[in-house]
Amino acid sequence: MTDPLPAAAAVPAAPVPVAQPAPIVEIGIEDFAKVELRTARVVAAVPHPDADKLLVLTVDAGDAAGATRTICAGIRQWWQPEQLVGRDIVIVANLKPRKLRGVLSQGMLLAVHDKEQVVPLCGMQQVSPGLRVS
């Protein structure tokens, strides 16, 4: 008759890897000064017709003569379009325009992302569109 292994002799669990933060790439102030962060107000939002992860936002970014711009944002799984209309957000206003699945995106929405949600950056109170973030 063989003796069963005592409970203490169980195989030790493999160590759980700890997620390491991404390394920070340092830039000079002259590089950062090139980035224009502005406040913008979402005036309309719709799902992108050809991309499951994108919403197409129409924003007032304080451009001349009340012109609006379109921004494609990869936040569709966390936000419904109607939840964004009327919100003030922060955008990268001077990003080179780029077509995303056929829709021209004229900036980038800034947001905080964790494991469970994405939250657009916005102020504590409503502000005018087009203000420079400093």
N, C-alpha and C. Protein backbone atom coordinates (compact mmCIF):
# COMPACT_ATOMS: atom_id res chain seq x y z
N MET A 1 0.84 -1.16 0.00
CA MET A 1 0.00 0.00 0.00
C MET A 1 0.89 1.22 0.00
N THR A 2 0.58 2.16 -0.87
CA THR A 2 1.39 3.38 -0.95
C THR A 2 0.73 4.47 -0.14
N ASP A 3 1.57 5.29 0.45
CA ASP A 3 1.06 6.41 1.23
C ASP A 3 0.68 7.53 0.27
N PRO A 4 -0.50 8.15 0.48
CA PRO A 4 -0.86 9.30 -0.37
C PRO A 4 0.07 10.46 -0.04
N LEU A 5 0.25 11.34 -1.02
CA LEU A 5 1.08 12.52 -0.80
C LEU A 5 0.41 13.42 0.23
N PRO A 6 1.15 13.92 1.17
CA PRO A 6 0.54 14.87 2.10
C PRO A 6 0.17 16.15 1.37
N ALA A 7 -0.82 16.87 1.87
CA ALA A 7 -1.31 18.09 1.24
C ALA A 7 -0.20 19.10 1.05
N ALA A 8 0.74 19.18 1.94
CA ALA A 8 1.83 20.15 1.86
C ALA A 8 2.77 19.84 0.70
N ALA A 9 2.70 18.64 0.17
CA ALA A 9 3.61 18.26 -0.91
C ALA A 9 3.03 18.58 -2.28
N ALA A 10 1.93 19.30 -2.33
CA ALA A 10 1.32 19.66 -3.60
C ALA A 10 2.30 20.49 -4.43
N VAL A 11 2.17 20.42 -5.73
CA VAL A 11 3.04 21.16 -6.63
C VAL A 11 2.82 22.65 -6.42
N PRO A 12 3.89 23.42 -6.21
CA PRO A 12 3.70 24.86 -5.99
C PRO A 12 3.16 25.53 -7.24
N ALA A 13 2.33 26.54 -7.02
CA ALA A 13 1.76 27.29 -8.14
C ALA A 13 2.84 28.11 -8.82
N ALA A 14 2.70 28.24 -10.13
CA ALA A 14 3.65 29.06 -10.89
C ALA A 14 3.46 30.51 -10.48
N PRO A 15 4.53 31.28 -10.42
CA PRO A 15 4.38 32.70 -10.06
C PRO A 15 3.53 33.42 -11.11
N VAL A 16 2.68 34.31 -10.64
CA VAL A 16 1.82 35.09 -11.53
C VAL A 16 2.63 36.27 -12.04
N PRO A 17 2.73 36.42 -13.36
CA PRO A 17 3.50 37.55 -13.89
C PRO A 17 2.83 38.88 -13.53
N VAL A 18 3.63 39.83 -13.17
CA VAL A 18 3.13 41.16 -12.82
C VAL A 18 3.23 42.03 -14.07
N ALA A 19 2.12 42.68 -14.40
CA ALA A 19 2.12 43.56 -15.58
C ALA A 19 3.07 44.72 -15.34
N GLN A 20 3.91 44.94 -16.30
CA GLN A 20 4.87 46.03 -16.22
C GLN A 20 4.33 47.22 -17.00
N PRO A 21 4.45 48.43 -16.44
CA PRO A 21 4.00 49.60 -17.20
C PRO A 21 4.88 49.80 -18.42
N ALA A 22 4.29 50.35 -19.45
CA ALA A 22 5.05 50.64 -20.67
C ALA A 22 6.13 51.67 -20.34
N PRO A 23 7.29 51.52 -20.93
CA PRO A 23 8.35 52.50 -20.66
C PRO A 23 7.92 53.88 -21.16
N ILE A 24 8.32 54.90 -20.45
CA ILE A 24 7.99 56.27 -20.83
C ILE A 24 9.07 56.78 -21.76
N VAL A 25 8.64 57.27 -22.91
CA VAL A 25 9.57 57.87 -23.87
C VAL A 25 9.58 59.36 -23.60
N GLU A 26 10.71 59.88 -23.19
CA GLU A 26 10.80 61.30 -22.88
C GLU A 26 10.97 62.12 -24.15
N ILE A 27 10.30 63.28 -24.16
CA ILE A 27 10.44 64.22 -25.27
C ILE A 27 10.82 65.56 -24.68
N GLY A 28 11.37 66.41 -25.51
CA GLY A 28 11.72 67.75 -25.07
C GLY A 28 10.50 68.66 -25.10
N ILE A 29 10.60 69.77 -24.40
CA ILE A 29 9.50 70.74 -24.35
C ILE A 29 9.19 71.28 -25.74
N GLU A 30 10.21 71.36 -26.60
CA GLU A 30 9.98 71.85 -27.96
C GLU A 30 9.09 70.89 -28.75
N ASP A 31 9.18 69.58 -28.48
CA ASP A 31 8.29 68.61 -29.13
C ASP A 31 6.87 68.73 -28.58
N PHE A 32 6.75 68.82 -27.26
CA PHE A 32 5.43 68.94 -26.65
C PHE A 32 4.72 70.22 -27.10
N ALA A 33 5.48 71.29 -27.28
CA ALA A 33 4.89 72.57 -27.68
C ALA A 33 4.21 72.48 -29.05
N LYS A 34 4.57 71.49 -29.85
CA LYS A 34 3.96 71.31 -31.17
C LYS A 34 2.55 70.72 -31.09
N VAL A 35 2.23 70.07 -29.99
CA VAL A 35 0.93 69.42 -29.83
C VAL A 35 -0.07 70.44 -29.33
N GLU A 36 -1.16 70.61 -30.08
CA GLU A 36 -2.20 71.56 -29.69
C GLU A 36 -3.39 70.81 -29.12
N LEU A 37 -3.51 70.85 -27.80
CA LEU A 37 -4.65 70.26 -27.12
C LEU A 37 -5.70 71.34 -26.93
N ARG A 38 -6.94 71.03 -27.34
CA ARG A 38 -8.02 72.01 -27.27
C ARG A 38 -9.28 71.38 -26.69
N THR A 39 -10.10 72.24 -26.12
CA THR A 39 -11.42 71.79 -25.71
C THR A 39 -12.32 71.75 -26.95
N ALA A 40 -13.26 70.83 -26.94
CA ALA A 40 -14.22 70.71 -28.03
C ALA A 40 -15.54 70.23 -27.44
N ARG A 41 -16.62 70.60 -28.06
CA ARG A 41 -17.95 70.15 -27.63
C ARG A 41 -18.50 69.21 -28.69
N VAL A 42 -18.95 68.05 -28.26
CA VAL A 42 -19.53 67.08 -29.19
C VAL A 42 -20.93 67.56 -29.56
N VAL A 43 -21.14 67.81 -30.86
CA VAL A 43 -22.45 68.27 -31.32
C VAL A 43 -23.26 67.15 -31.97
N ALA A 44 -22.59 66.09 -32.38
CA ALA A 44 -23.28 64.92 -32.93
C ALA A 44 -22.34 63.72 -32.83
N ALA A 45 -22.93 62.55 -32.76
CA ALA A 45 -22.14 61.31 -32.70
C ALA A 45 -22.97 60.18 -33.31
N VAL A 46 -22.31 59.37 -34.13
CA VAL A 46 -22.97 58.22 -34.77
C VAL A 46 -21.96 57.08 -34.84
N PRO A 47 -22.46 55.86 -34.91
CA PRO A 47 -21.54 54.73 -35.13
C PRO A 47 -20.90 54.85 -36.51
N HIS A 48 -19.63 54.48 -36.59
CA HIS A 48 -18.94 54.46 -37.89
C HIS A 48 -19.62 53.39 -38.75
N PRO A 49 -19.91 53.68 -40.01
CA PRO A 49 -20.63 52.71 -40.84
C PRO A 49 -19.83 51.45 -41.17
N ASP A 50 -18.50 51.52 -41.09
CA ASP A 50 -17.69 50.37 -41.49
C ASP A 50 -16.68 49.91 -40.44
N ALA A 51 -16.87 50.30 -39.17
CA ALA A 51 -15.93 49.90 -38.13
C ALA A 51 -16.67 49.71 -36.81
N ASP A 52 -16.61 48.50 -36.28
CA ASP A 52 -17.34 48.18 -35.05
C ASP A 52 -16.82 48.90 -33.81
N LYS A 53 -15.58 49.36 -33.82
CA LYS A 53 -14.99 49.98 -32.63
C LYS A 53 -15.05 51.50 -32.64
N LEU A 54 -15.44 52.09 -33.77
CA LEU A 54 -15.35 53.54 -33.90
C LEU A 54 -16.71 54.24 -33.82
N LEU A 55 -16.67 55.42 -33.19
CA LEU A 55 -17.77 56.37 -33.27
C LEU A 55 -17.27 57.55 -34.09
N VAL A 56 -18.15 58.15 -34.86
CA VAL A 56 -17.82 59.34 -35.63
C VAL A 56 -18.43 60.52 -34.89
N LEU A 57 -17.56 61.38 -34.37
CA LEU A 57 -17.99 62.55 -33.61
C LEU A 57 -17.89 63.79 -34.47
N THR A 58 -18.91 64.63 -34.42
CA THR A 58 -18.85 65.96 -35.00
C THR A 58 -18.66 66.89 -33.82
N VAL A 59 -17.57 67.68 -33.86
CA VAL A 59 -17.25 68.52 -32.71
C VAL A 59 -17.07 69.97 -33.12
N ASP A 60 -17.41 70.84 -32.18
CA ASP A 60 -17.11 72.26 -32.28
C ASP A 60 -15.82 72.45 -31.51
N ALA A 61 -14.74 72.74 -32.23
CA ALA A 61 -13.43 72.90 -31.62
C ALA A 61 -12.98 74.36 -31.65
N GLY A 62 -13.95 75.27 -31.81
CA GLY A 62 -13.62 76.69 -31.83
C GLY A 62 -12.98 77.14 -33.12
N ASP A 63 -13.16 76.35 -34.19
CA ASP A 63 -12.60 76.73 -35.48
C ASP A 63 -13.36 77.93 -36.05
N ALA A 64 -12.79 78.58 -37.03
CA ALA A 64 -13.35 79.81 -37.61
C ALA A 64 -14.78 79.63 -38.10
N ALA A 65 -15.57 80.67 -37.90
CA ALA A 65 -16.94 80.78 -38.43
C ALA A 65 -17.83 79.61 -38.04
N GLY A 66 -17.62 79.06 -36.86
CA GLY A 66 -18.50 77.99 -36.37
C GLY A 66 -18.36 76.68 -37.10
N ALA A 67 -17.27 76.51 -37.83
CA ALA A 67 -17.06 75.25 -38.55
C ALA A 67 -16.88 74.11 -37.56
N THR A 68 -17.36 72.93 -37.94
CA THR A 68 -17.16 71.74 -37.11
C THR A 68 -16.12 70.85 -37.78
N ARG A 69 -15.65 69.89 -37.02
CA ARG A 69 -14.73 68.90 -37.57
C ARG A 69 -15.19 67.52 -37.14
N THR A 70 -14.73 66.53 -37.88
CA THR A 70 -15.09 65.14 -37.62
C THR A 70 -13.90 64.43 -36.97
N ILE A 71 -14.18 63.67 -35.94
CA ILE A 71 -13.15 62.88 -35.26
C ILE A 71 -13.67 61.46 -35.10
N CYS A 72 -12.90 60.49 -35.55
CA CYS A 72 -13.23 59.08 -35.33
C CYS A 72 -12.55 58.65 -34.03
N ALA A 73 -13.33 58.07 -33.13
CA ALA A 73 -12.81 57.67 -31.83
C ALA A 73 -13.14 56.21 -31.56
N GLY A 74 -12.15 55.46 -31.11
CA GLY A 74 -12.31 54.03 -30.84
C GLY A 74 -12.92 53.75 -29.48
N ILE A 75 -14.11 54.28 -29.23
CA ILE A 75 -14.75 54.15 -27.92
C ILE A 75 -16.15 53.54 -27.99
N ARG A 76 -16.48 52.97 -29.12
CA ARG A 76 -17.85 52.50 -29.36
C ARG A 76 -18.31 51.42 -28.38
N GLN A 77 -17.41 50.55 -27.91
CA GLN A 77 -17.85 49.49 -27.01
C GLN A 77 -18.15 50.00 -25.61
N TRP A 78 -17.74 51.22 -25.29
CA TRP A 78 -17.96 51.77 -23.95
C TRP A 78 -19.01 52.89 -23.93
N TRP A 79 -19.22 53.55 -25.05
CA TRP A 79 -20.09 54.73 -25.07
C TRP A 79 -21.10 54.63 -26.19
N GLN A 80 -22.33 55.02 -25.89
CA GLN A 80 -23.37 55.16 -26.89
C GLN A 80 -23.28 56.58 -27.45
N PRO A 81 -23.56 56.78 -28.72
CA PRO A 81 -23.44 58.12 -29.29
C PRO A 81 -24.19 59.20 -28.51
N GLU A 82 -25.40 58.90 -28.07
CA GLU A 82 -26.20 59.90 -27.36
C GLU A 82 -25.60 60.29 -26.00
N GLN A 83 -24.74 59.46 -25.44
CA GLN A 83 -24.09 59.79 -24.17
C GLN A 83 -23.02 60.87 -24.33
N LEU A 84 -22.56 61.07 -25.55
CA LEU A 84 -21.46 62.01 -25.79
C LEU A 84 -21.93 63.38 -26.26
N VAL A 85 -23.09 63.45 -26.87
CA VAL A 85 -23.58 64.71 -27.42
C VAL A 85 -23.75 65.73 -26.29
N GLY A 86 -23.15 66.91 -26.50
CA GLY A 86 -23.21 67.97 -25.50
C GLY A 86 -22.04 67.97 -24.53
N ARG A 87 -21.25 66.93 -24.51
CA ARG A 87 -20.10 66.86 -23.60
C ARG A 87 -18.93 67.67 -24.13
N ASP A 88 -18.20 68.24 -23.21
CA ASP A 88 -16.93 68.89 -23.55
C ASP A 88 -15.83 67.85 -23.41
N ILE A 89 -14.97 67.79 -24.40
CA ILE A 89 -13.87 66.81 -24.42
C ILE A 89 -12.58 67.55 -24.71
N VAL A 90 -11.47 66.82 -24.64
CA VAL A 90 -10.16 67.35 -25.01
C VAL A 90 -9.71 66.59 -26.25
N ILE A 91 -9.23 67.35 -27.24
CA ILE A 91 -8.77 66.73 -28.49
C ILE A 91 -7.36 67.20 -28.82
N VAL A 92 -6.69 66.40 -29.64
CA VAL A 92 -5.46 66.85 -30.30
C VAL A 92 -5.94 67.51 -31.58
N ALA A 93 -5.84 68.84 -31.61
CA ALA A 93 -6.45 69.61 -32.70
C ALA A 93 -5.58 69.68 -33.95
N ASN A 94 -4.27 69.54 -33.79
CA ASN A 94 -3.39 69.72 -34.95
C ASN A 94 -2.81 68.41 -35.48
N LEU A 95 -3.47 67.30 -35.19
CA LEU A 95 -3.06 66.02 -35.75
C LEU A 95 -3.39 66.01 -37.24
N LYS A 96 -2.48 65.53 -38.04
CA LYS A 96 -2.71 65.47 -39.48
C LYS A 96 -3.97 64.65 -39.78
N PRO A 97 -4.94 65.20 -40.56
CA PRO A 97 -6.16 64.45 -40.88
C PRO A 97 -5.83 63.13 -41.56
N ARG A 98 -6.67 62.13 -41.26
CA ARG A 98 -6.42 60.78 -41.80
C ARG A 98 -7.77 60.09 -42.00
N LYS A 99 -7.88 59.37 -43.09
CA LYS A 99 -9.11 58.61 -43.34
C LYS A 99 -9.04 57.30 -42.56
N LEU A 100 -10.10 57.04 -41.79
CA LEU A 100 -10.24 55.79 -41.06
C LEU A 100 -11.44 55.05 -41.62
N ARG A 101 -11.16 54.02 -42.38
CA ARG A 101 -12.21 53.24 -43.03
C ARG A 101 -13.17 54.12 -43.83
N GLY A 102 -12.60 55.08 -44.55
CA GLY A 102 -13.38 55.92 -45.44
C GLY A 102 -13.90 57.21 -44.85
N VAL A 103 -13.74 57.43 -43.54
CA VAL A 103 -14.22 58.67 -42.91
C VAL A 103 -13.00 59.48 -42.48
N LEU A 104 -12.96 60.75 -42.89
CA LEU A 104 -11.84 61.63 -42.55
C LEU A 104 -11.92 62.02 -41.08
N SER A 105 -10.85 61.73 -40.34
CA SER A 105 -10.76 62.11 -38.93
C SER A 105 -9.82 63.29 -38.83
N GLN A 106 -10.29 64.38 -38.22
CA GLN A 106 -9.54 65.64 -38.17
C GLN A 106 -9.09 65.97 -36.75
N GLY A 107 -8.57 64.99 -36.07
CA GLY A 107 -8.09 65.18 -34.71
C GLY A 107 -8.18 63.87 -33.96
N MET A 108 -7.93 63.93 -32.65
CA MET A 108 -7.99 62.73 -31.82
C MET A 108 -8.59 63.08 -30.47
N LEU A 109 -9.52 62.28 -30.04
CA LEU A 109 -10.10 62.39 -28.71
C LEU A 109 -9.10 61.85 -27.70
N LEU A 110 -8.88 62.58 -26.61
CA LEU A 110 -8.03 62.07 -25.53
C LEU A 110 -8.92 61.40 -24.50
N ALA A 111 -8.50 60.22 -24.02
CA ALA A 111 -9.30 59.46 -23.06
C ALA A 111 -8.37 58.66 -22.15
N VAL A 112 -8.92 58.27 -21.02
CA VAL A 112 -8.22 57.40 -20.07
C VAL A 112 -8.80 56.01 -20.25
N HIS A 113 -7.92 55.01 -20.31
CA HIS A 113 -8.35 53.64 -20.54
C HIS A 113 -7.83 52.75 -19.42
N ASP A 114 -8.73 51.99 -18.81
CA ASP A 114 -8.29 50.96 -17.89
C ASP A 114 -8.90 49.65 -18.35
N LYS A 115 -8.84 48.62 -17.53
CA LYS A 115 -9.30 47.30 -17.97
C LYS A 115 -10.78 47.24 -18.30
N GLU A 116 -11.58 48.08 -17.66
CA GLU A 116 -13.02 47.95 -17.81
C GLU A 116 -13.71 49.08 -18.55
N GLN A 117 -13.05 50.21 -18.74
CA GLN A 117 -13.74 51.34 -19.34
C GLN A 117 -12.77 52.29 -20.02
N VAL A 118 -13.35 53.14 -20.84
CA VAL A 118 -12.63 54.25 -21.45
C VAL A 118 -13.42 55.50 -21.12
N VAL A 119 -12.73 56.50 -20.58
CA VAL A 119 -13.39 57.73 -20.17
C VAL A 119 -12.75 58.90 -20.91
N PRO A 120 -13.51 59.61 -21.73
CA PRO A 120 -12.94 60.79 -22.41
C PRO A 120 -12.51 61.83 -21.39
N LEU A 121 -11.39 62.50 -21.68
CA LEU A 121 -10.94 63.58 -20.81
C LEU A 121 -11.87 64.76 -20.99
N CYS A 122 -12.28 65.31 -19.89
CA CYS A 122 -13.15 66.49 -19.93
C CYS A 122 -12.92 67.29 -18.67
N GLY A 123 -13.37 68.51 -18.70
CA GLY A 123 -13.20 69.39 -17.56
C GLY A 123 -14.21 69.13 -16.47
N MET A 124 -13.99 69.78 -15.34
CA MET A 124 -14.91 69.65 -14.20
C MET A 124 -16.18 70.48 -14.43
N GLN A 125 -16.09 71.46 -15.30
CA GLN A 125 -17.27 72.27 -15.61
C GLN A 125 -17.23 72.62 -17.09
N GLN A 126 -18.35 73.06 -17.62
CA GLN A 126 -18.43 73.36 -19.04
C GLN A 126 -17.59 74.59 -19.37
N VAL A 127 -16.87 74.50 -20.49
CA VAL A 127 -16.03 75.61 -20.95
C VAL A 127 -16.31 75.85 -22.43
N SER A 128 -15.80 76.93 -22.94
CA SER A 128 -15.99 77.25 -24.36
C SER A 128 -15.18 76.33 -25.24
N PRO A 129 -15.73 75.91 -26.38
CA PRO A 129 -14.95 75.12 -27.33
C PRO A 129 -13.77 75.94 -27.87
N GLY A 130 -12.68 75.25 -28.15
CA GLY A 130 -11.53 75.88 -28.77
C GLY A 130 -10.48 76.44 -27.83
N LEU A 131 -10.70 76.28 -26.52
CA LEU A 131 -9.70 76.79 -25.58
C LEU A 131 -8.48 75.88 -25.59
N ARG A 132 -7.32 76.49 -25.52
CA ARG A 132 -6.07 75.73 -25.50
C ARG A 132 -5.88 75.13 -24.12
N VAL A 133 -5.57 73.84 -24.06
CA VAL A 133 -5.31 73.17 -22.80
C VAL A 133 -3.85 73.40 -22.46
N SER A 134 -3.62 73.84 -21.23
CA SER A 134 -2.23 74.11 -20.82
C SER A 134 -1.95 73.50 -19.48
